[in-house]
Protein backbone atom coordinates (compact mmCIF):
# COMPACT_ATOMS: atom_id res chain seq x y z
CA MET A 1 -15.25 21.79 -29.24
CA THR A 2 -12.45 22.48 -26.82
CA GLY A 3 -9.96 20.05 -25.36
CA TRP A 4 -11.94 20.16 -22.13
CA SER A 5 -15.08 19.03 -23.94
CA TRP A 6 -13.21 16.09 -25.45
CA ALA A 7 -11.72 15.22 -22.04
CA TRP A 8 -15.20 15.11 -20.44
CA ILE A 9 -16.52 13.01 -23.32
CA ALA A 10 -13.58 10.62 -22.88
CA TRP A 11 -14.27 10.44 -19.14
CA LEU A 12 -17.95 9.60 -19.76
CA ALA A 13 -16.99 7.03 -22.41
CA ALA A 14 -14.55 5.39 -19.98
CA PHE A 15 -17.27 5.23 -17.33
CA ALA A 16 -19.73 3.74 -19.83
CA ALA A 17 -17.16 1.12 -20.90
CA ILE A 18 -16.28 0.14 -17.32
CA GLU A 19 -19.90 0.02 -16.14
CA GLY A 20 -20.99 -1.78 -19.31
CA ALA A 21 -18.32 -4.45 -18.86
CA ALA A 22 -19.32 -4.86 -15.21
CA LEU A 23 -22.99 -5.24 -16.15
CA ALA A 24 -22.16 -7.73 -18.90
CA ARG A 25 -20.11 -9.82 -16.45
CA ASP A 26 -23.11 -10.11 -14.14
CA ALA A 27 -20.86 -10.82 -11.15
CA ARG A 28 -21.11 -9.43 -7.63
CA ASP A 29 -19.30 -6.30 -6.49
CA ASP A 30 -18.21 -4.98 -9.86
CA THR A 31 -20.62 -2.13 -10.73
CA LEU A 32 -20.37 1.40 -9.36
CA SER A 33 -23.62 0.95 -7.45
CA GLU A 34 -22.34 -2.17 -5.72
CA HIS A 35 -19.12 -0.39 -4.75
CA VAL A 36 -21.01 2.61 -3.36
CA TRP A 37 -23.29 0.30 -1.36
CA ALA A 38 -20.22 -1.45 0.09
CA TRP A 39 -18.47 1.86 0.90
CA LEU A 40 -21.61 3.16 2.62
CA GLY A 41 -22.33 -0.04 4.52
CA ILE A 42 -25.63 -0.71 2.76
CA GLY A 43 -26.63 -4.36 2.69
CA ARG A 44 -28.29 -6.12 -0.20
CA HIS A 45 -31.94 -7.10 -0.12
CA GLY A 46 -32.41 -10.32 1.82
CA GLU A 47 -28.97 -10.21 3.47
CA PRO A 48 -28.14 -9.15 7.02
CA ARG A 49 -27.37 -5.47 7.42
CA PRO A 50 -23.71 -4.59 7.93
CA GLU A 51 -22.67 -2.84 11.13
CA VAL A 52 -23.01 0.93 10.89
CA THR A 53 -19.98 2.65 12.40
CA GLY A 54 -19.11 6.30 12.79
CA THR A 55 -17.00 6.28 9.64
CA VAL A 56 -19.86 4.75 7.66
CA ARG A 57 -22.15 7.53 8.89
CA LEU A 58 -19.52 10.11 7.90
CA ARG A 59 -19.22 8.60 4.40
CA ARG A 60 -23.01 8.57 4.03
CA PHE A 61 -23.24 12.21 5.11
CA ALA A 62 -20.40 13.21 2.77
CA LEU A 63 -22.16 11.58 -0.19
CA LEU A 64 -25.49 13.19 0.73
CA ALA A 65 -23.89 16.63 1.12
CA PHE A 66 -22.00 16.29 -2.17
CA LEU A 67 -25.09 15.21 -4.11
CA ALA A 68 -27.17 18.01 -2.57
CA TRP A 69 -24.51 20.58 -3.52
CA LEU A 70 -24.10 19.12 -7.03
CA SER A 71 -27.86 19.24 -7.64
CA ALA A 72 -28.05 22.86 -6.45
CA HIS A 73 -24.95 23.72 -8.49
CA PHE A 74 -26.40 22.31 -11.71
CA LEU A 75 -29.91 23.68 -11.19
CA THR A 76 -28.80 27.23 -10.36
CA GLY A 77 -26.24 27.64 -13.14
CA GLY A 78 -23.31 27.63 -10.73
CA PHE A 79 -24.76 30.02 -8.14
CA PHE A 80 -23.85 27.45 -5.45
């Protein structure tokens, strides 16, 4: 394995450790999902919806565009 492979493994292990600790804490606003929901102005079930501003719409679009590109990139072997 190359140094790059080890670096990606370390990155994934760090994510797993951070997310695992956040899940074990069972507190609000500590997991990646909860942060993404806050950044995108997505309210929790049973709570009032946050105000949707132009910057929130831009962040939502940027995430959607990135995930669409990433999916196409992975599924086409880097063609996109």
